[in-house]
């Protein structure tokens, strides 16, 4: 599948809104060895648009892990839950850093 076109201006707006950090692990661009990627919160393959409101930044590791998923199985309840949306949810309500900032730990099912 071809990647949808995203204008330079929209890329700039997304990078600015995300403060040049991955929306999932919060790693800043200067610490990531590859360029942070523009990712579709609702994947294009599932009908998501390339409008700014559906885009965010992700490091290649987080983006590769998320891939085209919008939900996952909560290992505790075995129920399907929505994945974290960095555009509309507050990171610190769902995650925290542990082991001196080496690992991210989930606090909620999201």
PDB file of N, CA and C in Angstrom:
ATOM      1  N   UNK A   1       0.841  -1.185   0.000  1.00  0.00           N
ATOM      2  CA  UNK A   1       0.000   0.000   0.000  1.00  0.00           C
ATOM      3  C   UNK A   1       0.882   1.243   0.000  1.00  0.00           C
ATOM      4  N   UNK A   2       0.578   2.197  -0.866  1.00  0.00           N
ATOM      5  CA  UNK A   2       1.318   3.447  -0.919  1.00  0.00           C
ATOM      6  C   UNK A   2       1.014   4.291   0.306  1.00  0.00           C
ATOM      7  N   UNK A   3       2.054   4.962   0.781  1.00  0.00           N
ATOM      8  CA  UNK A   3       1.854   5.869   1.911  1.00  0.00           C
ATOM      9  C   UNK A   3       1.090   7.095   1.442  1.00  0.00           C
ATOM     10  N   UNK A   4       0.089   7.521   2.216  1.00  0.00           N
ATOM     11  CA  UNK A   4      -0.661   8.726   1.826  1.00  0.00           C
ATOM     12  C   UNK A   4       0.242   9.958   1.881  1.00  0.00           C
ATOM     13  N   UNK A   5      -0.005  10.883   0.973  1.00  0.00           N
ATOM     14  CA  UNK A   5       0.759  12.128   0.953  1.00  0.00           C
ATOM     15  C   UNK A   5       0.381  12.992   2.151  1.00  0.00           C
ATOM     16  N   UNK A   6       1.398  13.500   2.829  1.00  0.00           N
ATOM     17  CA  UNK A   6       1.201  14.435   3.938  1.00  0.00           C
ATOM     18  C   UNK A   6       2.072  15.645   3.634  1.00  0.00           C
ATOM     19  N   UNK A   7       1.462  16.806   3.574  1.00  0.00           N
ATOM     20  CA  UNK A   7       2.195  18.014   3.184  1.00  0.00           C
ATOM     21  C   UNK A   7       3.272  18.374   4.206  1.00  0.00           C
ATOM     22  N   UNK A   8       4.266  19.087   3.740  1.00  0.00           N
ATOM     23  CA  UNK A   8       5.356  19.551   4.597  1.00  0.00           C
ATOM     24  C   UNK A   8       4.801  20.401   5.739  1.00  0.00           C
ATOM     25  N   UNK A   9       3.816  21.207   5.451  1.00  0.00           N
ATOM     26  CA  UNK A   9       3.220  22.075   6.482  1.00  0.00           C
ATOM     27  C   UNK A   9       2.525  21.251   7.561  1.00  0.00           C
ATOM     28  N   UNK A  10       1.788  20.212   7.168  1.00  0.00           N
ATOM     29  CA  UNK A  10       1.123  19.355   8.163  1.00  0.00           C
ATOM     30  C   UNK A  10       2.175  18.615   8.988  1.00  0.00           C
ATOM     31  N   UNK A  11       3.225  18.128   8.370  1.00  0.00           N
ATOM     32  CA  UNK A  11       4.318  17.470   9.112  1.00  0.00           C
ATOM     33  C   UNK A  11       4.897  18.442  10.139  1.00  0.00           C
ATOM     34  N   UNK A  12       5.130  19.679   9.738  1.00  0.00           N
ATOM     35  CA  UNK A  12       5.668  20.689  10.663  1.00  0.00           C
ATOM     36  C   UNK A  12       4.714  20.913  11.830  1.00  0.00           C
ATOM     37  N   UNK A  13       3.423  21.014  11.540  1.00  0.00           N
ATOM     38  CA  UNK A  13       2.429  21.251  12.590  1.00  0.00           C
ATOM     39  C   UNK A  13       2.383  20.077  13.575  1.00  0.00           C
ATOM     40  N   UNK A  14       2.447  18.856  13.056  1.00  0.00           N
ATOM     41  CA  UNK A  14       2.409  17.674  13.922  1.00  0.00           C
ATOM     42  C   UNK A  14       3.660  17.628  14.795  1.00  0.00           C
ATOM     43  N   UNK A  15       4.825  17.865  14.197  1.00  0.00           N
ATOM     44  CA  UNK A  15       6.077  17.854  14.971  1.00  0.00           C
ATOM     45  C   UNK A  15       6.039  18.914  16.074  1.00  0.00           C
ATOM     46  N   UNK A  16       5.520  20.071  15.743  1.00  0.00           N
ATOM     47  CA  UNK A  16       5.429  21.147  16.731  1.00  0.00           C
ATOM     48  C   UNK A  16       4.454  20.779  17.847  1.00  0.00           C
ATOM     49  N   UNK A  17       3.287  20.267  17.500  1.00  0.00           N
ATOM     50  CA  UNK A  17       2.292  19.887  18.511  1.00  0.00           C
ATOM     51  C   UNK A  17       2.819  18.774  19.413  1.00  0.00           C
ATOM     52  N   UNK A  18       3.578  17.843  18.839  1.00  0.00           N
ATOM     53  CA  UNK A  18       4.123  16.717  19.606  1.00  0.00           C
ATOM     54  C   UNK A  18       5.420  17.087  20.329  1.00  0.00           C
ATOM     55  N   UNK A  19       5.862  18.302  20.140  1.00  0.00           N
ATOM     56  CA  UNK A  19       7.102  18.798  20.743  1.00  0.00           C
ATOM     57  C   UNK A  19       8.295  17.911  20.387  1.00  0.00           C
ATOM     58  N   UNK A  20       8.278  17.388  19.160  1.00  0.00           N
ATOM     59  CA  UNK A  20       9.345  16.533  18.651  1.00  0.00           C
ATOM     60  C   UNK A  20       9.639  15.350  19.564  1.00  0.00           C
ATOM     61  N   UNK A  21       8.576  14.768  20.135  1.00  0.00           N
ATOM     62  CA  UNK A  21       8.686  13.585  20.995  1.00  0.00           C
ATOM     63  C   UNK A  21       7.764  12.494  20.485  1.00  0.00           C
ATOM     64  N   UNK A  22       8.163  11.255  20.708  1.00  0.00           N
ATOM     65  CA  UNK A  22       7.293  10.125  20.412  1.00  0.00           C
ATOM     66  C   UNK A  22       6.078  10.206  21.327  1.00  0.00           C
ATOM     67  N   UNK A  23       4.907  10.016  20.785  1.00  0.00           N
ATOM     68  CA  UNK A  23       3.687  10.088  21.577  1.00  0.00           C
ATOM     69  C   UNK A  23       3.495   8.917  22.512  1.00  0.00           C
ATOM     70  N   UNK A  24       4.245   7.827  22.322  1.00  0.00           N
ATOM     71  CA  UNK A  24       4.042   6.614  23.107  1.00  0.00           C
ATOM     72  C   UNK A  24       5.104   6.409  24.187  1.00  0.00           C
ATOM     73  N   UNK A  25       6.362   6.683  23.887  1.00  0.00           N
ATOM     74  CA  UNK A  25       7.416   6.509  24.896  1.00  0.00           C
ATOM     75  C   UNK A  25       8.001   7.843  25.346  1.00  0.00           C
ATOM     76  N   UNK A  26       7.599   8.921  24.700  1.00  0.00           N
ATOM     77  CA  UNK A  26       8.030  10.290  24.984  1.00  0.00           C
ATOM     78  C   UNK A  26       9.488  10.566  24.674  1.00  0.00           C
ATOM     79  N   UNK A  27      10.157   9.665  23.974  1.00  0.00           N
ATOM     80  CA  UNK A  27      11.554   9.906  23.616  1.00  0.00           C
ATOM     81  C   UNK A  27      11.650  11.113  22.690  1.00  0.00           C
ATOM     82  N   UNK A  28      12.535  12.061  23.009  1.00  0.00           N
ATOM     83  CA  UNK A  28      12.700  13.227  22.139  1.00  0.00           C
ATOM     84  C   UNK A  28      13.535  12.870  20.910  1.00  0.00           C
ATOM     85  N   UNK A  29      13.331  13.620  19.840  1.00  0.00           N
ATOM     86  CA  UNK A  29      14.033  13.357  18.587  1.00  0.00           C
ATOM     87  C   UNK A  29      15.534  13.275  18.788  1.00  0.00           C
ATOM     88  N   UNK A  30      16.110  14.129  19.632  1.00  0.00           N
ATOM     89  CA  UNK A  30      17.573  14.136  19.762  1.00  0.00           C
ATOM     90  C   UNK A  30      18.128  12.870  20.421  1.00  0.00           C
ATOM     91  N   UNK A  31      17.273  12.057  21.057  1.00  0.00           N
ATOM     92  CA  UNK A  31      17.726  10.798  21.642  1.00  0.00           C
ATOM     93  C   UNK A  31      17.414   9.574  20.776  1.00  0.00           C
ATOM     94  N   UNK A  32      16.598   9.762  19.757  1.00  0.00           N
ATOM     95  CA  UNK A  32      16.210   8.653  18.884  1.00  0.00           C
ATOM     96  C   UNK A  32      17.180   8.627  17.709  1.00  0.00           C
ATOM     97  N   UNK A  33      17.751   7.471  17.446  1.00  0.00           N
ATOM     98  CA  UNK A  33      18.772   7.367  16.403  1.00  0.00           C
ATOM     99  C   UNK A  33      18.210   7.466  14.982  1.00  0.00           C
ATOM    100  N   UNK A  34      16.909   7.368  14.838  1.00  0.00           N
ATOM    101  CA  UNK A  34      16.261   7.524  13.530  1.00  0.00           C
ATOM    102  C   UNK A  34      15.271   8.685  13.638  1.00  0.00           C
ATOM    103  N   UNK A  35      14.826   9.145  12.510  1.00  0.00           N
ATOM    104  CA  UNK A  35      13.854  10.242  12.510  1.00  0.00           C
ATOM    105  C   UNK A  35      12.513   9.750  13.038  1.00  0.00           C
ATOM    106  N   UNK A  36      11.907  10.540  13.933  1.00  0.00           N
ATOM    107  CA  UNK A  36      10.555  10.218  14.390  1.00  0.00           C
ATOM    108  C   UNK A  36       9.623  10.217  13.183  1.00  0.00           C
ATOM    109  N   UNK A  37       8.695   9.286  13.189  1.00  0.00           N
ATOM    110  CA  UNK A  37       7.808   9.075  12.046  1.00  0.00           C
ATOM    111  C   UNK A  37       6.430   9.688  12.295  1.00  0.00           C
ATOM    112  N   UNK A  38       5.846  10.187  11.233  1.00  0.00           N
ATOM    113  CA  UNK A  38       4.452  10.617  11.300  1.00  0.00           C
ATOM    114  C   UNK A  38       3.603   9.353  11.253  1.00  0.00           C
ATOM    115  N   UNK A  39       2.767   9.151  12.235  1.00  0.00           N
ATOM    116  CA  UNK A  39       1.932   7.955  12.265  1.00  0.00           C
ATOM    117  C   UNK A  39       0.465   8.326  12.311  1.00  0.00           C
ATOM    118  N   UNK A  40      -0.332   7.461  11.734  1.00  0.00           N
ATOM    119  CA  UNK A  40      -1.783   7.633  11.715  1.00  0.00           C
ATOM    120  C   UNK A  40      -2.367   6.990  12.970  1.00  0.00           C
ATOM    121  N   UNK A  41      -3.048   7.761  13.796  1.00  0.00           N
ATOM    122  CA  UNK A  41      -3.668   7.218  15.005  1.00  0.00           C
ATOM    123  C   UNK A  41      -4.699   6.167  14.627  1.00  0.00           C
ATOM    124  N   UNK A  42      -5.577   6.506  13.702  1.00  0.00           N
ATOM    125  CA  UNK A  42      -6.431   5.510  13.057  1.00  0.00           C
ATOM    126  C   UNK A  42      -5.745   5.229  11.731  1.00  0.00           C
ATOM    127  N   UNK A  43      -5.225   4.033  11.553  1.00  0.00           N
ATOM    128  CA  UNK A  43      -4.426   3.733  10.364  1.00  0.00           C
ATOM    129  C   UNK A  43      -5.172   4.003   9.057  1.00  0.00           C
ATOM    130  N   UNK A  44      -4.423   4.429   8.058  1.00  0.00           N
ATOM    131  CA  UNK A  44      -5.001   4.658   6.732  1.00  0.00           C
ATOM    132  C   UNK A  44      -5.649   3.377   6.223  1.00  0.00           C
ATOM    133  N   UNK A  45      -5.061   2.231   6.563  1.00  0.00           N
ATOM    134  CA  UNK A  45      -5.614   0.953   6.109  1.00  0.00           C
ATOM    135  C   UNK A  45      -6.970   0.650   6.735  1.00  0.00           C
ATOM    136  N   UNK A  46      -7.316   1.384   7.790  1.00  0.00           N
ATOM    137  CA  UNK A  46      -8.618   1.209   8.445  1.00  0.00           C
ATOM    138  C   UNK A  46      -9.496   2.436   8.261  1.00  0.00           C
ATOM    139  N   UNK A  47      -9.171   3.233   7.234  1.00  0.00           N
ATOM    140  CA  UNK A  47      -9.998   4.383   6.898  1.00  0.00           C
ATOM    141  C   UNK A  47      -9.585   5.689   7.544  1.00  0.00           C
ATOM    142  N   UNK A  48      -8.470   5.691   8.266  1.00  0.00           N
ATOM    143  CA  UNK A  48      -7.995   6.923   8.903  1.00  0.00           C
ATOM    144  C   UNK A  48      -7.488   7.915   7.876  1.00  0.00           C
ATOM    145  N   UNK A  49      -7.724   9.172   8.143  1.00  0.00           N
ATOM    146  CA  UNK A  49      -7.329  10.226   7.205  1.00  0.00           C
ATOM    147  C   UNK A  49      -5.895  10.670   7.462  1.00  0.00           C
ATOM    148  N   UNK A  50      -5.381  11.472   6.549  1.00  0.00           N
ATOM    149  CA  UNK A  50      -4.070  12.088   6.720  1.00  0.00           C
ATOM    150  C   UNK A  50      -4.211  13.541   7.166  1.00  0.00           C
ATOM    151  N   UNK A  51      -5.366  13.844   7.763  1.00  0.00           N
ATOM    152  CA  UNK A  51      -5.578  15.165   8.355  1.00  0.00           C
ATOM    153  C   UNK A  51      -4.729  15.267   9.620  1.00  0.00           C
ATOM    154  N   UNK A  52      -4.320  16.471   9.951  1.00  0.00           N
ATOM    155  CA  UNK A  52      -3.474  16.686  11.131  1.00  0.00           C
ATOM    156  C   UNK A  52      -4.065  16.056  12.390  1.00  0.00           C
ATOM    157  N   UNK A  53      -5.369  16.113  12.546  1.00  0.00           N
ATOM    158  CA  UNK A  53      -6.020  15.601  13.755  1.00  0.00           C
ATOM    159  C   UNK A  53      -5.883  14.090  13.929  1.00  0.00           C
ATOM    160  N   UNK A  54      -5.483  13.376  12.878  1.00  0.00           N
ATOM    161  CA  UNK A  54      -5.307  11.924  12.957  1.00  0.00           C
ATOM    162  C   UNK A  54      -3.831  11.522  12.917  1.00  0.00           C
ATOM    163  N   UNK A  55      -2.945  12.490  13.036  1.00  0.00           N
ATOM    164  CA  UNK A  55      -1.515  12.224  12.934  1.00  0.00           C
ATOM    165  C   UNK A  55      -0.796  12.590  14.216  1.00  0.00           C
ATOM    166  N   UNK A  56       0.293  11.860  14.484  1.00  0.00           N
ATOM    167  CA  UNK A  56       1.146  12.178  15.630  1.00  0.00           C
ATOM    168  C   UNK A  56       2.532  11.649  15.327  1.00  0.00           C
ATOM    169  N   UNK A  57       3.475  11.902  16.207  1.00  0.00           N
ATOM    170  CA  UNK A  57       4.835  11.399  16.035  1.00  0.00           C
ATOM    171  C   UNK A  57       5.031  10.113  16.812  1.00  0.00           C
ATOM    172  N   UNK A  58       5.828   9.221  16.256  1.00  0.00           N
ATOM    173  CA  UNK A  58       6.192   7.988  16.947  1.00  0.00           C
ATOM    174  C   UNK A  58       7.610   7.616  16.555  1.00  0.00           C
ATOM    175  N   UNK A  59       8.332   7.075  17.516  1.00  0.00           N
ATOM    176  CA  UNK A  59       9.654   6.553  17.181  1.00  0.00           C
ATOM    177  C   UNK A  59       9.445   5.275  16.368  1.00  0.00           C
ATOM    178  N   UNK A  60      10.439   4.865  15.593  1.00  0.00           N
ATOM    179  CA  UNK A  60      10.260   3.659  14.772  1.00  0.00           C
ATOM    180  C   UNK A  60       9.906   2.413  15.589  1.00  0.00           C
ATOM    181  N   UNK A  61      10.407   2.287  16.804  1.00  0.00           N
ATOM    182  CA  UNK A  61      10.093   1.109  17.615  1.00  0.00           C
ATOM    183  C   UNK A  61       8.622   1.117  18.011  1.00  0.00           C
ATOM    184  N   UNK A  62       8.137   2.227  18.560  1.00  0.00           N
ATOM    185  CA  UNK A  62       6.731   2.303  18.966  1.00  0.00           C
ATOM    186  C   UNK A  62       5.807   2.193  17.757  1.00  0.00           C
ATOM    187  N   UNK A  63       6.153   2.875  16.672  1.00  0.00           N
ATOM    188  CA  UNK A  63       5.314   2.840  15.480  1.00  0.00           C
ATOM    189  C   UNK A  63       5.261   1.428  14.893  1.00  0.00           C
ATOM    190  N   UNK A  64       6.376   0.740  14.912  1.00  0.00           N
ATOM    191  CA  UNK A  64       6.395  -0.627  14.409  1.00  0.00           C
ATOM    192  C   UNK A  64       5.590  -1.570  15.279  1.00  0.00           C
ATOM    193  N   UNK A  65       5.629  -1.340  16.577  1.00  0.00           N
ATOM    194  CA  UNK A  65       4.877  -2.189  17.491  1.00  0.00           C
ATOM    195  C   UNK A  65       3.374  -1.928  17.362  1.00  0.00           C
ATOM    196  N   UNK A  66       3.012  -0.640  17.255  1.00  0.00           N
ATOM    197  CA  UNK A  66       1.590  -0.292  17.117  1.00  0.00           C
ATOM    198  C   UNK A  66       1.070  -0.745  15.756  1.00  0.00           C
ATOM    199  N   UNK A  67       1.849  -0.525  14.730  1.00  0.00           N
ATOM    200  CA  UNK A  67       1.492  -0.899  13.354  1.00  0.00           C
ATOM    201  C   UNK A  67       0.097  -0.382  13.004  1.00  0.00           C
ATOM    202  N   UNK A  68      -0.807  -1.282  12.602  1.00  0.00           N
ATOM    203  CA  UNK A  68      -2.149  -0.842  12.203  1.00  0.00           C
ATOM    204  C   UNK A  68      -3.185  -1.142  13.285  1.00  0.00           C
ATOM    205  N   UNK A  69      -2.720  -1.300  14.510  1.00  0.00           N
ATOM    206  CA  UNK A  69      -3.640  -1.618  15.604  1.00  0.00           C
ATOM    207  C   UNK A  69      -4.283  -0.353  16.186  1.00  0.00           C
ATOM    208  N   UNK A  70      -5.515  -0.488  16.627  1.00  0.00           N
ATOM    209  CA  UNK A  70      -6.198   0.571  17.372  1.00  0.00           C
ATOM    210  C   UNK A  70      -6.694   0.034  18.708  1.00  0.00           C
ATOM    211  N   UNK A  71      -6.624  -1.285  18.869  1.00  0.00           N
ATOM    212  CA  UNK A  71      -7.053  -1.947  20.100  1.00  0.00           C
ATOM    213  C   UNK A  71      -6.071  -3.066  20.420  1.00  0.00           C
ATOM    214  N   UNK A  72      -6.102  -3.506  21.674  1.00  0.00           N
ATOM    215  CA  UNK A  72      -5.295  -4.650  22.105  1.00  0.00           C
ATOM    216  C   UNK A  72      -6.037  -5.362  23.225  1.00  0.00           C
ATOM    217  N   UNK A  73      -5.612  -6.557  23.529  1.00  0.00           N
ATOM    218  CA  UNK A  73      -6.212  -7.329  24.615  1.00  0.00           C
ATOM    219  C   UNK A  73      -5.510  -6.984  25.920  1.00  0.00           C
ATOM    220  N   UNK A  74      -6.281  -6.553  26.905  1.00  0.00           N
ATOM    221  CA  UNK A  74      -5.756  -6.282  28.240  1.00  0.00           C
ATOM    222  C   UNK A  74      -5.357  -7.634  28.846  1.00  0.00           C
ATOM    223  N   UNK A  75      -4.082  -7.802  29.220  1.00  0.00           N
ATOM    224  CA  UNK A  75      -3.642  -9.104  29.735  1.00  0.00           C
ATOM    225  C   UNK A  75      -4.297  -9.500  31.053  1.00  0.00           C
ATOM    226  N   UNK A  76      -4.805  -8.530  31.810  1.00  0.00           N
ATOM    227  CA  UNK A  76      -5.443  -8.849  33.093  1.00  0.00           C
ATOM    228  C   UNK A  76      -6.902  -9.257  32.933  1.00  0.00           C
ATOM    229  N   UNK A  77      -7.644  -8.522  32.105  1.00  0.00           N
ATOM    230  CA  UNK A  77      -9.082  -8.794  31.973  1.00  0.00           C
ATOM    231  C   UNK A  77      -9.418  -9.619  30.736  1.00  0.00           C
ATOM    232  N   UNK A  78      -8.473  -9.710  29.806  1.00  0.00           N
ATOM    233  CA  UNK A  78      -8.676 -10.396  28.535  1.00  0.00           C
ATOM    234  C   UNK A  78      -9.741  -9.703  27.665  1.00  0.00           C
ATOM    235  N   UNK A  79     -10.034  -8.449  27.967  1.00  0.00           N
ATOM    236  CA  UNK A  79     -10.984  -7.672  27.177  1.00  0.00           C
ATOM    237  C   UNK A  79     -10.230  -6.784  26.194  1.00  0.00           C
ATOM    238  N   UNK A  80     -10.882  -6.481  25.085  1.00  0.00           N
ATOM    239  CA  UNK A  80     -10.303  -5.587  24.105  1.00  0.00           C
ATOM    240  C   UNK A  80     -10.420  -4.143  24.591  1.00  0.00           C
ATOM    241  N   UNK A  81      -9.309  -3.412  24.544  1.00  0.00           N
ATOM    242  CA  UNK A  81      -9.301  -2.005  24.964  1.00  0.00           C
ATOM    243  C   UNK A  81      -8.633  -1.166  23.876  1.00  0.00           C
ATOM    244  N   UNK A  82      -9.027   0.077  23.809  1.00  0.00           N
ATOM    245  CA  UNK A  82      -8.414   1.000  22.858  1.00  0.00           C
ATOM    246  C   UNK A  82      -6.968   1.271  23.248  1.00  0.00           C
ATOM    247  N   UNK A  83      -6.132   1.473  22.233  1.00  0.00           N
ATOM    248  CA  UNK A  83      -4.761   1.877  22.492  1.00  0.00           C
ATOM    249  C   UNK A  83      -4.718   3.353  22.877  1.00  0.00           C
ATOM    250  N   UNK A  84      -3.675   3.737  23.560  1.00  0.00           N
ATOM    251  CA  UNK A  84      -3.452   5.112  23.973  1.00  0.00           C
ATOM    252  C   UNK A  84      -3.442   6.036  22.759  1.00  0.00           C
ATOM    253  N   UNK A  85      -4.113   7.173  22.878  1.00  0.00           N
ATOM    254  CA  UNK A  85      -4.145   8.189  21.829  1.00  0.00           C
ATOM    255  C   UNK A  85      -3.401   9.412  22.344  1.00  0.00           C
ATOM    256  N   UNK A  86      -2.166   9.635  21.887  1.00  0.00           N
ATOM    257  CA  UNK A  86      -1.375  10.751  22.402  1.00  0.00           C
ATOM    258  C   UNK A  86      -1.931  12.126  22.048  1.00  0.00           C
ATOM    259  N   UNK A  87      -2.825  12.185  21.104  1.00  0.00           N
ATOM    260  CA  UNK A  87      -3.414  13.476  20.743  1.00  0.00           C
ATOM    261  C   UNK A  87      -4.529  13.873  21.706  1.00  0.00           C
ATOM    262  N   UNK A  88      -5.223  12.904  22.290  1.00  0.00           N
ATOM    263  CA  UNK A  88      -6.382  13.246  23.113  1.00  0.00           C
ATOM    264  C   UNK A  88      -6.298  12.768  24.567  1.00  0.00           C
ATOM    265  N   UNK A  89      -5.284  11.972  24.907  1.00  0.00           N
ATOM    266  CA  UNK A  89      -5.165  11.469  26.273  1.00  0.00           C
ATOM    267  C   UNK A  89      -3.868  11.956  26.908  1.00  0.00           C
ATOM    268  N   UNK A  90      -3.845  12.008  28.232  1.00  0.00           N
ATOM    269  CA  UNK A  90      -2.687  12.502  28.976  1.00  0.00           C
ATOM    270  C   UNK A  90      -1.790  11.314  29.342  1.00  0.00           C
ATOM    271  N   UNK A  91      -0.556  11.363  28.882  1.00  0.00           N
ATOM    272  CA  UNK A  91       0.392  10.258  29.055  1.00  0.00           C
ATOM    273  C   UNK A  91       0.534   9.850  30.521  1.00  0.00           C
ATOM    274  N   UNK A  92       0.694  10.818  31.417  1.00  0.00           N
ATOM    275  CA  UNK A  92       0.942  10.509  32.834  1.00  0.00           C
ATOM    276  C   UNK A  92      -0.256   9.881  33.537  1.00  0.00           C
ATOM    277  N   UNK A  93      -1.423   9.933  32.926  1.00  0.00           N
ATOM    278  CA  UNK A  93      -2.585   9.247  33.499  1.00  0.00           C
ATOM    279  C   UNK A  93      -2.580   7.754  33.167  1.00  0.00           C
ATOM    280  N   UNK A  94      -1.768   7.362  32.200  1.00  0.00           N
ATOM    281  CA  UNK A  94      -1.770   5.976  31.737  1.00  0.00           C
ATOM    282  C   UNK A  94      -0.420   5.268  31.870  1.00  0.00           C
ATOM    283  N   UNK A  95       0.653   6.036  32.039  1.00  0.00           N
ATOM    284  CA  UNK A  95       2.000   5.460  32.078  1.00  0.00           C
ATOM    285  C   UNK A  95       2.869   6.181  33.094  1.00  0.00           C
ATOM    286  N   UNK A  96       3.973   5.522  33.432  1.00  0.00           N
ATOM    287  CA  UNK A  96       5.013   6.173  34.230  1.00  0.00           C
ATOM    288  C   UNK A  96       6.347   5.536  33.871  1.00  0.00           C
ATOM    289  N   UNK A  97       7.400   6.295  34.154  1.00  0.00           N
ATOM    290  CA  UNK A  97       8.749   5.784  33.950  1.00  0.00           C
ATOM    291  C   UNK A  97       9.173   5.010  35.185  1.00  0.00           C
ATOM    292  N   UNK A  98       9.814   3.860  34.988  1.00  0.00           N
ATOM    293  CA  UNK A  98      10.356   3.092  36.102  1.00  0.00           C
ATOM    294  C   UNK A  98      11.818   2.755  35.803  1.00  0.00           C
ATOM    295  N   UNK A  99      12.472   2.159  36.768  1.00  0.00           N
ATOM    296  CA  UNK A  99      13.882   1.778  36.638  1.00  0.00           C
ATOM    297  C   UNK A  99      14.732   2.973  36.223  1.00  0.00           C
ATOM    298  N   UNK A 100      14.525   4.089  36.905  1.00  0.00           N
ATOM    299  CA  UNK A 100      15.317   5.280  36.635  1.00  0.00           C
ATOM    300  C   UNK A 100      15.126   5.847  35.238  1.00  0.00           C
ATOM    301  N   UNK A 101      13.946   5.653  34.682  1.00  0.00           N
ATOM    302  CA  UNK A 101      13.653   6.202  33.361  1.00  0.00           C
ATOM    303  C   UNK A 101      14.039   5.289  32.216  1.00  0.00           C
ATOM    304  N   UNK A 102      14.298   4.020  32.501  1.00  0.00           N
ATOM    305  CA  UNK A 102      14.668   3.075  31.458  1.00  0.00           C
ATOM    306  C   UNK A 102      13.508   2.315  30.859  1.00  0.00           C
ATOM    307  N   UNK A 103      12.394   2.254  31.585  1.00  0.00           N
ATOM    308  CA  UNK A 103      11.220   1.498  31.103  1.00  0.00           C
ATOM    309  C   UNK A 103       9.949   2.296  31.340  1.00  0.00           C
ATOM    310  N   UNK A 104       8.997   2.082  30.469  1.00  0.00           N
ATOM    311  CA  UNK A 104       7.668   2.661  30.628  1.00  0.00           C
ATOM    312  C   UNK A 104       6.762   1.571  31.188  1.00  0.00           C
ATOM    313  N   UNK A 105       6.008   1.937  32.227  1.00  0.00           N
ATOM    314  CA  UNK A 105       5.064   0.991  32.839  1.00  0.00           C
ATOM    315  C   UNK A 105       3.650   1.521  32.652  1.00  0.00           C
ATOM    316  N   UNK A 106       2.748   0.642  32.246  1.00  0.00           N
ATOM    317  CA  UNK A 106       1.354   1.019  32.095  1.00  0.00           C
ATOM    318  C   UNK A 106       0.652   1.096  33.439  1.00  0.00           C
ATOM    319  N   UNK A 107      -0.211   2.078  33.591  1.00  0.00           N
ATOM    320  CA  UNK A 107      -0.984   2.255  34.820  1.00  0.00           C
ATOM    321  C   UNK A 107      -2.448   1.897  34.637  1.00  0.00           C
ATOM    322  N   UNK A 108      -2.913   1.858  33.405  1.00  0.00           N
ATOM    323  CA  UNK A 108      -4.309   1.558  33.087  1.00  0.00           C
ATOM    324  C   UNK A 108      -4.340   0.494  31.997  1.00  0.00           C
ATOM    325  N   UNK A 109      -5.520   0.052  31.674  1.00  0.00           N
ATOM    326  CA  UNK A 109      -5.674  -0.933  30.607  1.00  0.00           C
ATOM    327  C   UNK A 109      -5.366  -0.334  29.239  1.00  0.00           C
ATOM    328  N   UNK A 110      -5.483   0.970  29.108  1.00  0.00           N
ATOM    329  CA  UNK A 110      -5.220   1.630  27.808  1.00  0.00           C
ATOM    330  C   UNK A 110      -3.738   1.534  27.489  1.00  0.00           C
TER     331      UNK A 110
END
